[in-house]
Amino acid sequence: MSRTNFDTLLEAGCHFGHLKRKWNPAMAPYIFMERNGIHIIDLHKTVAKIDEAAEALKQIAKSGKKILFVATKKQAKQVVAEKAASVNMPYVIERWPGGMLTNFPTIRKAVKKMANIDKLTADGTYSNLSKREILQISRQRAKLEKNLGSISDLTRLPSALFVVDVLKEQIAVREANRLGIPVFAIVDTNSNPENVDFVIPANDDANKSVEIILEACCGAIAEGLEERKAEKVDTEAAGEGEAPKGRRRSTKARVEKSEEVETEAVAEEA
């Protein structure tokens, strides 16, 4: 069963590419035609590519790995934040911090700094500082929260990157390519799809277009997470079935141990 269909994508305006003169020739396989100087994307290919990407994302989520969503353009920021948060995945919507992937330990240090400020604020360490110092610290904390708050749970490198507009986020794509992290991306007719592992050809400027695609992909991620949870429950249930034998043995061992202690105590008294 397909996760989206031609009509839904058509209604959302996913087929509108850029002006013909702004096109990237590498996108030719995904272009259906040109109308009034604008390239029209072949939505049949978009439907197939969404399914392909969604299936791969589902498997990544099922294996318990993280997918980092990236979209710093104004019209996509809010929808990416909402969809990524709904499946508990990290996201970057402010500014891509250079070296976010290639210099990950430094980014982790900045995140830890944020946690430290919170800890010291909570235990009252900052209460005896001057107002000016407290203001400086809270400003620093707010800046860190704005840029890194959404990736504070990312303790290791993500297993995949989901990008909206590869032209705008080319630094992020380049870093992922360098580290061999697979890139999933909504690619418009003015972008180069060659550095993207899972290309979703579609309009990356319209809010509705981005939302429809993210809905399908995040729906697949949610399925992967559910399946992982169900498998975990099954494994635990199977483990519990064998537990009593182990428990009996440990109880027996405890009884034997206490008997040994009592025997030693009696011997000492004698």
C-alpha atoms as a PDB file:
ATOM      1  CA  MET A   1       0.000   0.000   0.000  1.00  0.00           C
ATOM      2  CA  SER A   2       1.285   3.436  -0.934  1.00  0.00           C
ATOM      3  CA  ARG A   3       1.818   6.009   1.820  1.00  0.00           C
ATOM      4  CA  THR A   4       0.643   8.895  -0.355  1.00  0.00           C
ATOM      5  CA  ASN A   5      -1.080   9.201  -3.696  1.00  0.00           C
ATOM      6  CA  PHE A   6      -0.845  11.326  -6.808  1.00  0.00           C
ATOM      7  CA  ASP A   7      -3.959  13.421  -6.007  1.00  0.00           C
ATOM      8  CA  THR A   8      -2.864  14.291  -2.444  1.00  0.00           C
ATOM      9  CA  LEU A   9       0.532  15.466  -3.691  1.00  0.00           C
ATOM     10  CA  LEU A  10      -1.063  17.390  -6.574  1.00  0.00           C
ATOM     11  CA  GLU A  11      -3.412  19.182  -4.160  1.00  0.00           C
ATOM     12  CA  ALA A  12      -0.475  20.145  -1.923  1.00  0.00           C
ATOM     13  CA  GLY A  13       1.377  21.655  -4.909  1.00  0.00           C
ATOM     14  CA  CYS A  14       4.271  19.176  -4.703  1.00  0.00           C
ATOM     15  CA  HIS A  15       4.569  19.233  -8.515  1.00  0.00           C
ATOM     16  CA  PHE A  16       5.652  22.880  -8.854  1.00  0.00           C
ATOM     17  CA  GLY A  17       9.365  23.143  -9.564  1.00  0.00           C
ATOM     18  CA  HIS A  18      11.436  26.280 -10.165  1.00  0.00           C
ATOM     19  CA  LEU A  19      11.769  28.440 -13.256  1.00  0.00           C
ATOM     20  CA  LYS A  20      13.271  26.614 -16.209  1.00  0.00           C
ATOM     21  CA  ARG A  21      16.357  28.864 -16.223  1.00  0.00           C
ATOM     22  CA  LYS A  22      17.104  27.951 -12.578  1.00  0.00           C
ATOM     23  CA  TRP A  23      17.027  24.204 -13.072  1.00  0.00           C
ATOM     24  CA  ASN A  24      19.754  21.699 -12.326  1.00  0.00           C
ATOM     25  CA  PRO A  25      20.164  19.282 -15.283  1.00  0.00           C
ATOM     26  CA  ALA A  26      20.770  16.402 -12.853  1.00  0.00           C
ATOM     27  CA  MET A  27      17.046  16.646 -11.939  1.00  0.00           C
ATOM     28  CA  ALA A  28      15.994  15.861 -15.553  1.00  0.00           C
ATOM     29  CA  PRO A  29      14.834  12.265 -14.755  1.00  0.00           C
ATOM     30  CA  TYR A  30      12.286  13.635 -12.262  1.00  0.00           C
ATOM     31  CA  ILE A  31      10.846  16.414 -14.464  1.00  0.00           C
ATOM     32  CA  PHE A  32       7.590  15.672 -16.277  1.00  0.00           C
ATOM     33  CA  MET A  33       7.245  18.786 -18.432  1.00  0.00           C
ATOM     34  CA  GLU A  34       7.596  22.535 -18.576  1.00  0.00           C
ATOM     35  CA  ARG A  35       4.610  24.847 -18.305  1.00  0.00           C
ATOM     36  CA  ASN A  36       4.730  28.661 -18.522  1.00  0.00           C
ATOM     37  CA  GLY A  37       8.494  28.617 -17.978  1.00  0.00           C
ATOM     38  CA  ILE A  38       8.191  26.482 -14.824  1.00  0.00           C
ATOM     39  CA  HIS A  39       9.283  22.865 -14.521  1.00  0.00           C
ATOM     40  CA  ILE A  40       6.617  20.377 -13.415  1.00  0.00           C
ATOM     41  CA  ILE A  41       7.810  17.417 -11.301  1.00  0.00           C
ATOM     42  CA  ASP A  42       6.640  13.894 -12.189  1.00  0.00           C
ATOM     43  CA  LEU A  43       4.487  13.026  -9.158  1.00  0.00           C
ATOM     44  CA  HIS A  44       4.313   9.324 -10.042  1.00  0.00           C
ATOM     45  CA  LYS A  45       8.034   9.210  -9.338  1.00  0.00           C
ATOM     46  CA  THR A  46       7.555  11.261  -6.162  1.00  0.00           C
ATOM     47  CA  VAL A  47       4.992   8.737  -4.836  1.00  0.00           C
ATOM     48  CA  ALA A  48       7.413   5.843  -5.469  1.00  0.00           C
ATOM     49  CA  LYS A  49      10.337   7.716  -3.916  1.00  0.00           C
ATOM     50  CA  ILE A  50       8.351   8.627  -0.782  1.00  0.00           C
ATOM     51  CA  ASP A  51       7.484   4.940  -0.280  1.00  0.00           C
ATOM     52  CA  GLU A  52      11.103   3.924  -0.762  1.00  0.00           C
ATOM     53  CA  ALA A  53      12.390   6.551   1.706  1.00  0.00           C
ATOM     54  CA  ALA A  54       9.627   5.837   4.249  1.00  0.00           C
ATOM     55  CA  GLU A  55      10.451   2.108   4.282  1.00  0.00           C
ATOM     56  CA  ALA A  56      14.151   2.802   4.880  1.00  0.00           C
ATOM     57  CA  LEU A  57      13.342   5.325   7.651  1.00  0.00           C
ATOM     58  CA  LYS A  58      11.027   2.782   9.286  1.00  0.00           C
ATOM     59  CA  GLN A  59      13.847   0.215   9.459  1.00  0.00           C
ATOM     60  CA  ILE A  60      16.264   2.776  10.961  1.00  0.00           C
ATOM     61  CA  ALA A  61      13.714   3.709  13.657  1.00  0.00           C
ATOM     62  CA  LYS A  62      12.944   0.030  14.300  1.00  0.00           C
ATOM     63  CA  SER A  63      16.615  -0.641  15.005  1.00  0.00           C
ATOM     64  CA  GLY A  64      16.514   2.088  17.685  1.00  0.00           C
ATOM     65  CA  LYS A  65      18.680   4.616  15.841  1.00  0.00           C
ATOM     66  CA  LYS A  66      18.188   8.375  15.514  1.00  0.00           C
ATOM     67  CA  ILE A  67      17.308  10.386  12.391  1.00  0.00           C
ATOM     68  CA  LEU A  68      18.281  14.064  12.442  1.00  0.00           C
ATOM     69  CA  PHE A  69      15.867  16.428  10.649  1.00  0.00           C
ATOM     70  CA  VAL A  70      17.304  19.603   9.131  1.00  0.00           C
ATOM     71  CA  ALA A  71      15.346  22.596   7.803  1.00  0.00           C
ATOM     72  CA  THR A  72      16.434  26.156   8.474  1.00  0.00           C
ATOM     73  CA  LYS A  73      14.253  27.845   5.828  1.00  0.00           C
ATOM     74  CA  LYS A  74      11.395  29.891   7.263  1.00  0.00           C
ATOM     75  CA  GLN A  75       8.461  28.088   5.607  1.00  0.00           C
ATOM     76  CA  ALA A  76       9.604  24.616   6.703  1.00  0.00           C
ATOM     77  CA  LYS A  77      10.934  25.278  10.231  1.00  0.00           C
ATOM     78  CA  GLN A  78       7.721  24.937  12.199  1.00  0.00           C
ATOM     79  CA  VAL A  79       6.350  21.884  10.440  1.00  0.00           C
ATOM     80  CA  VAL A  80       9.709  20.057  10.700  1.00  0.00           C
ATOM     81  CA  ALA A  81       9.941  20.834  14.431  1.00  0.00           C
ATOM     82  CA  GLU A  82       6.405  19.520  15.031  1.00  0.00           C
ATOM     83  CA  LYS A  83       6.758  16.339  12.966  1.00  0.00           C
ATOM     84  CA  ALA A  84      10.229  15.448  14.292  1.00  0.00           C
ATOM     85  CA  ALA A  85       9.157  16.050  17.900  1.00  0.00           C
ATOM     86  CA  SER A  86       6.061  13.861  17.383  1.00  0.00           C
ATOM     87  CA  VAL A  87       8.327  10.848  16.750  1.00  0.00           C
ATOM     88  CA  ASN A  88      10.912  11.933  19.332  1.00  0.00           C
ATOM     89  CA  MET A  89      13.654  12.624  16.797  1.00  0.00           C
ATOM     90  CA  PRO A  90      16.264  15.433  16.994  1.00  0.00           C
ATOM     91  CA  TYR A  91      16.053  18.401  14.610  1.00  0.00           C
ATOM     92  CA  VAL A  92      17.911  21.564  13.604  1.00  0.00           C
ATOM     93  CA  ILE A  93      15.738  24.482  12.524  1.00  0.00           C
ATOM     94  CA  GLU A  94      17.733  27.567  13.522  1.00  0.00           C
ATOM     95  CA  ARG A  95      21.232  27.636  12.081  1.00  0.00           C
ATOM     96  CA  TRP A  96      23.275  24.602  11.128  1.00  0.00           C
ATOM     97  CA  PRO A  97      26.205  24.682  13.586  1.00  0.00           C
ATOM     98  CA  GLY A  98      29.268  24.093  11.380  1.00  0.00           C
ATOM     99  CA  GLY A  99      30.921  20.816  12.339  1.00  0.00           C
ATOM    100  CA  MET A 100      27.714  19.556  13.925  1.00  0.00           C
ATOM    101  CA  LEU A 101      28.534  16.064  12.578  1.00  0.00           C
ATOM    102  CA  THR A 102      32.243  16.225  11.712  1.00  0.00           C
ATOM    103  CA  ASN A 103      33.107  17.842  15.062  1.00  0.00           C
ATOM    104  CA  PHE A 104      30.395  16.182  17.131  1.00  0.00           C
ATOM    105  CA  PRO A 105      32.314  16.029  20.478  1.00  0.00           C
ATOM    106  CA  THR A 106      32.518  19.854  20.559  1.00  0.00           C
ATOM    107  CA  ILE A 107      28.753  20.126  19.990  1.00  0.00           C
ATOM    108  CA  ARG A 108      28.208  17.616  22.822  1.00  0.00           C
ATOM    109  CA  LYS A 109      30.326  19.822  25.114  1.00  0.00           C
ATOM    110  CA  ALA A 110      28.070  22.805  24.360  1.00  0.00           C
ATOM    111  CA  VAL A 111      24.994  20.677  25.146  1.00  0.00           C
ATOM    112  CA  LYS A 112      26.587  19.553  28.435  1.00  0.00           C
ATOM    113  CA  LYS A 113      27.315  23.198  29.267  1.00  0.00           C
ATOM    114  CA  MET A 114      23.585  23.869  28.964  1.00  0.00           C
ATOM    115  CA  ALA A 115      22.812  20.964  31.325  1.00  0.00           C
ATOM    116  CA  ASN A 116      25.441  22.280  33.760  1.00  0.00           C
ATOM    117  CA  ILE A 117      23.877  25.741  33.843  1.00  0.00           C
ATOM    118  CA  ASP A 118      20.504  24.118  34.623  1.00  0.00           C
ATOM    119  CA  LYS A 119      22.034  22.008  37.390  1.00  0.00           C
ATOM    120  CA  LEU A 120      23.821  24.932  39.042  1.00  0.00           C
ATOM    121  CA  THR A 121      20.691  27.083  38.792  1.00  0.00           C
ATOM    122  CA  ALA A 122      18.592  24.351  40.404  1.00  0.00           C
ATOM    123  CA  ASP A 123      20.937  23.753  43.352  1.00  0.00           C
ATOM    124  CA  GLY A 124      21.192  27.488  44.125  1.00  0.00           C
ATOM    125  CA  THR A 125      24.884  27.933  43.184  1.00  0.00           C
ATOM    126  CA  TYR A 126      24.024  31.003  41.127  1.00  0.00           C
ATOM    127  CA  SER A 127      21.858  32.652  43.784  1.00  0.00           C
ATOM    128  CA  ASN A 128      24.806  34.584  45.293  1.00  0.00           C
ATOM    129  CA  LEU A 129      25.987  35.989  41.945  1.00  0.00           C
ATOM    130  CA  SER A 130      25.312  39.579  40.924  1.00  0.00           C
ATOM    131  CA  LYS A 131      22.266  40.376  38.774  1.00  0.00           C
ATOM    132  CA  ARG A 132      24.526  41.169  35.838  1.00  0.00           C
ATOM    133  CA  GLU A 133      26.294  37.797  36.006  1.00  0.00           C
ATOM    134  CA  ILE A 134      22.987  35.954  36.298  1.00  0.00           C
ATOM    135  CA  LEU A 135      21.687  37.860  33.271  1.00  0.00           C
ATOM    136  CA  GLN A 136      24.793  36.916  31.243  1.00  0.00           C
ATOM    137  CA  ILE A 137      24.418  33.250  32.176  1.00  0.00           C
ATOM    138  CA  SER A 138      20.694  33.186  31.350  1.00  0.00           C
ATOM    139  CA  ARG A 139      21.396  34.842  27.980  1.00  0.00           C
ATOM    140  CA  GLN A 140      24.060  32.229  27.237  1.00  0.00           C
ATOM    141  CA  ARG A 141      21.624  29.494  28.264  1.00  0.00           C
ATOM    142  CA  ALA A 142      18.876  30.923  25.994  1.00  0.00           C
ATOM    143  CA  LYS A 143      21.284  31.061  23.032  1.00  0.00           C
ATOM    144  CA  LEU A 144      22.368  27.454  23.570  1.00  0.00           C
ATOM    145  CA  GLU A 145      18.737  26.370  23.946  1.00  0.00           C
ATOM    146  CA  LYS A 146      17.761  28.099  20.707  1.00  0.00           C
ATOM    147  CA  ASN A 147      20.535  26.484  18.665  1.00  0.00           C
ATOM    148  CA  LEU A 148      21.029  23.155  20.396  1.00  0.00           C
ATOM    149  CA  GLY A 149      17.976  22.507  22.577  1.00  0.00           C
ATOM    150  CA  SER A 150      16.369  20.233  20.002  1.00  0.00           C
ATOM    151  CA  ILE A 151      19.463  17.998  19.801  1.00  0.00           C
ATOM    152  CA  SER A 152      20.157  17.734  23.545  1.00  0.00           C
ATOM    153  CA  ASP A 153      19.144  14.041  23.521  1.00  0.00           C
ATOM    154  CA  LEU A 154      21.473  13.221  20.637  1.00  0.00           C
ATOM    155  CA  THR A 155      24.289  11.464  22.512  1.00  0.00           C
ATOM    156  CA  ARG A 156      25.896   9.945  19.416  1.00  0.00           C
ATOM    157  CA  LEU A 157      26.000  10.686  15.689  1.00  0.00           C
ATOM    158  CA  PRO A 158      22.631  10.202  13.957  1.00  0.00           C
ATOM    159  CA  SER A 159      22.189   7.188  11.653  1.00  0.00           C
ATOM    160  CA  ALA A 160      20.503   9.298   8.955  1.00  0.00           C
ATOM    161  CA  LEU A 161      19.814  12.891   7.968  1.00  0.00           C
ATOM    162  CA  PHE A 162      16.475  14.134   6.619  1.00  0.00           C
ATOM    163  CA  VAL A 163      16.911  17.435   4.800  1.00  0.00           C
ATOM    164  CA  VAL A 164      14.426  19.927   3.385  1.00  0.00           C
ATOM    165  CA  ASP A 165      16.160  21.882   0.570  1.00  0.00           C
ATOM    166  CA  VAL A 166      19.618  20.443  -0.106  1.00  0.00           C
ATOM    167  CA  LEU A 167      20.726  23.706  -1.697  1.00  0.00           C
ATOM    168  CA  LYS A 168      20.230  25.670   1.519  1.00  0.00           C
ATOM    169  CA  GLU A 169      21.530  22.872   3.754  1.00  0.00           C
ATOM    170  CA  GLN A 170      24.529  21.927   1.608  1.00  0.00           C
ATOM    171  CA  ILE A 171      26.964  22.119   4.559  1.00  0.00           C
ATOM    172  CA  ALA A 172      24.880  19.560   6.476  1.00  0.00           C
ATOM    173  CA  VAL A 173      24.723  17.285   3.397  1.00  0.00           C
ATOM    174  CA  ARG A 174      28.476  17.598   2.858  1.00  0.00           C
ATOM    175  CA  GLU A 175      29.223  16.656   6.479  1.00  0.00           C
ATOM    176  CA  ALA A 176      26.914  13.628   6.268  1.00  0.00           C
ATOM    177  CA  ASN A 177      28.566  12.553   2.985  1.00  0.00           C
ATOM    178  CA  ARG A 178      32.005  12.797   4.567  1.00  0.00           C
ATOM    179  CA  LEU A 179      30.978  10.524   7.439  1.00  0.00           C
ATOM    180  CA  GLY A 180      28.999   8.096   5.284  1.00  0.00           C
ATOM    181  CA  ILE A 181      25.677   8.995   6.958  1.00  0.00           C
ATOM    182  CA  PRO A 182      22.769   8.345   4.524  1.00  0.00           C
ATOM    183  CA  VAL A 183      20.886  11.477   3.437  1.00  0.00           C
ATOM    184  CA  PHE A 184      17.123  11.578   2.814  1.00  0.00           C
ATOM    185  CA  ALA A 185      15.980  14.807   1.185  1.00  0.00           C
ATOM    186  CA  ILE A 186      13.160  16.705  -0.484  1.00  0.00           C
ATOM    187  CA  VAL A 187      14.911  17.851  -3.667  1.00  0.00           C
ATOM    188  CA  ASP A 188      13.521  20.617  -5.902  1.00  0.00           C
ATOM    189  CA  THR A 189      14.327  21.162  -9.603  1.00  0.00           C
ATOM    190  CA  ASN A 190      17.058  23.741  -8.798  1.00  0.00           C
ATOM    191  CA  SER A 191      19.068  21.320  -6.606  1.00  0.00           C
ATOM    192  CA  ASN A 192      21.644  18.617  -7.196  1.00  0.00           C
ATOM    193  CA  PRO A 193      20.373  15.157  -6.185  1.00  0.00           C
ATOM    194  CA  GLU A 194      23.754  13.455  -6.622  1.00  0.00           C
ATOM    195  CA  ASN A 195      24.853  13.679  -2.973  1.00  0.00           C
ATOM    196  CA  VAL A 196      21.500  12.400  -1.689  1.00  0.00           C
ATOM    197  CA  ASP A 197      20.935   8.691  -1.006  1.00  0.00           C
ATOM    198  CA  PHE A 198      17.119   8.868  -0.941  1.00  0.00           C
ATOM    199  CA  VAL A 199      15.843  11.598  -3.286  1.00  0.00           C
ATOM    200  CA  ILE A 200      12.226  12.757  -2.901  1.00  0.00           C
ATOM    201  CA  PRO A 201      11.622  15.029  -5.919  1.00  0.00           C
ATOM    202  CA  ALA A 202       9.113  17.695  -4.852  1.00  0.00           C
ATOM    203  CA  ASN A 203       8.470  21.361  -4.180  1.00  0.00           C
ATOM    204  CA  ASP A 204      10.557  22.270  -1.122  1.00  0.00           C
ATOM    205  CA  ASP A 205       9.210  25.816  -0.784  1.00  0.00           C
ATOM    206  CA  ALA A 206       5.493  25.238  -0.157  1.00  0.00           C
ATOM    207  CA  ASN A 207       4.602  24.556   3.474  1.00  0.00           C
ATOM    208  CA  LYS A 208       1.831  22.123   2.488  1.00  0.00           C
ATOM    209  CA  SER A 209       4.137  20.146   0.201  1.00  0.00           C
ATOM    210  CA  VAL A 210       6.744  19.696   2.950  1.00  0.00           C
ATOM    211  CA  GLU A 211       4.034  18.791   5.476  1.00  0.00           C
ATOM    212  CA  ILE A 212       2.473  16.034   3.302  1.00  0.00           C
ATOM    213  CA  ILE A 213       5.857  14.390   2.679  1.00  0.00           C
ATOM    214  CA  LEU A 214       6.942  14.627   6.321  1.00  0.00           C
ATOM    215  CA  GLU A 215       3.606  13.166   7.419  1.00  0.00           C
ATOM    216  CA  ALA A 216       4.222  10.047   5.311  1.00  0.00           C
ATOM    217  CA  CYS A 217       7.850   9.697   6.461  1.00  0.00           C
ATOM    218  CA  CYS A 218       7.178  10.347  10.151  1.00  0.00           C
ATOM    219  CA  GLY A 219       4.213   7.960   9.987  1.00  0.00           C
ATOM    220  CA  ALA A 220       6.660   5.263   8.848  1.00  0.00           C
ATOM    221  CA  ILE A 221       9.102   6.179  11.657  1.00  0.00           C
ATOM    222  CA  ALA A 222       6.257   5.905  14.201  1.00  0.00           C
ATOM    223  CA  GLU A 223       5.436   2.413  12.841  1.00  0.00           C
ATOM    224  CA  GLY A 224       9.085   1.401  13.209  1.00  0.00           C
ATOM    225  CA  LEU A 225       9.143   2.623  16.820  1.00  0.00           C
ATOM    226  CA  GLU A 226       5.897   0.758  17.599  1.00  0.00           C
ATOM    227  CA  GLU A 227       7.243  -2.474  16.115  1.00  0.00           C
ATOM    228  CA  ARG A 228      10.425  -2.066  18.150  1.00  0.00           C
ATOM    229  CA  LYS A 229       8.370  -1.587  21.312  1.00  0.00           C
ATOM    230  CA  ALA A 230       6.211  -4.655  20.531  1.00  0.00           C
ATOM    231  CA  GLU A 231       9.301  -6.805  19.917  1.00  0.00           C
ATOM    232  CA  LYS A 232      10.803  -5.613  23.207  1.00  0.00           C
ATOM    233  CA  VAL A 233       7.609  -6.573  25.081  1.00  0.00           C
ATOM    234  CA  ASP A 234       7.609 -10.028  23.422  1.00  0.00           C
ATOM    235  CA  THR A 235      11.258 -10.591  24.340  1.00  0.00           C
ATOM    236  CA  GLU A 236      10.653  -9.523  27.946  1.00  0.00           C
ATOM    237  CA  ALA A 237       7.567 -11.756  28.159  1.00  0.00           C
ATOM    238  CA  ALA A 238       9.600 -14.711  26.856  1.00  0.00           C
ATOM    239  CA  GLY A 239      12.333 -13.911  29.374  1.00  0.00           C
ATOM    240  CA  GLU A 240       9.861 -13.714  32.257  1.00  0.00           C
ATOM    241  CA  GLY A 241       8.542 -17.168  31.418  1.00  0.00           C
ATOM    242  CA  GLU A 242      11.951 -18.571  32.314  1.00  0.00           C
ATOM    243  CA  ALA A 243      12.542 -16.274  35.285  1.00  0.00           C
ATOM    244  CA  PRO A 244      11.039 -18.339  38.179  1.00  0.00           C
ATOM    245  CA  LYS A 245      13.695 -21.081  37.773  1.00  0.00           C
ATOM    246  CA  GLY A 246      16.459 -18.479  38.122  1.00  0.00           C
ATOM    247  CA  ARG A 247      14.664 -16.823  41.039  1.00  0.00           C
ATOM    248  CA  ARG A 248      14.287 -20.171  42.850  1.00  0.00           C
ATOM    249  CA  ARG A 249      17.975 -20.805  42.440  1.00  0.00           C
ATOM    250  CA  SER A 250      18.957 -17.401  43.822  1.00  0.00           C
ATOM    251  CA  THR A 251      16.605 -17.850  46.805  1.00  0.00           C
ATOM    252  CA  LYS A 252      18.141 -21.257  47.494  1.00  0.00           C
ATOM    253  CA  ALA A 253      21.625 -19.717  47.305  1.00  0.00           C
ATOM    254  CA  ARG A 254      20.591 -16.987  49.767  1.00  0.00           C
ATOM    255  CA  VAL A 255      19.244 -19.595  52.226  1.00  0.00           C
ATOM    256  CA  GLU A 256      22.473 -21.612  51.975  1.00  0.00           C
ATOM    257  CA  LYS A 257      24.526 -18.452  52.535  1.00  0.00           C
ATOM    258  CA  SER A 258      22.570 -17.487  55.668  1.00  0.00           C
ATOM    259  CA  GLU A 259      22.947 -21.034  57.028  1.00  0.00           C
ATOM    260  CA  GLU A 260      26.729 -20.775  56.527  1.00  0.00           C
ATOM    261  CA  VAL A 261      26.809 -17.467  58.430  1.00  0.00           C
ATOM    262  CA  GLU A 262      24.797 -18.934  61.328  1.00  0.00           C
ATOM    263  CA  THR A 263      27.089 -21.994  61.517  1.00  0.00           C
ATOM    264  CA  GLU A 264      30.159 -19.709  61.654  1.00  0.00           C
ATOM    265  CA  ALA A 265      28.568 -17.583  64.384  1.00  0.00           C
ATOM    266  CA  VAL A 266      27.748 -20.657  66.502  1.00  0.00           C
ATOM    267  CA  ALA A 267      31.316 -21.983  66.015  1.00  0.00           C
ATOM    268  CA  GLU A 268      32.781 -18.650  67.157  1.00  0.00           C
ATOM    269  CA  GLU A 269      30.566 -18.562  70.284  1.00  0.00           C
ATOM    270  CA  ALA A 270      31.631 -22.117  71.170  1.00  0.00           C
END
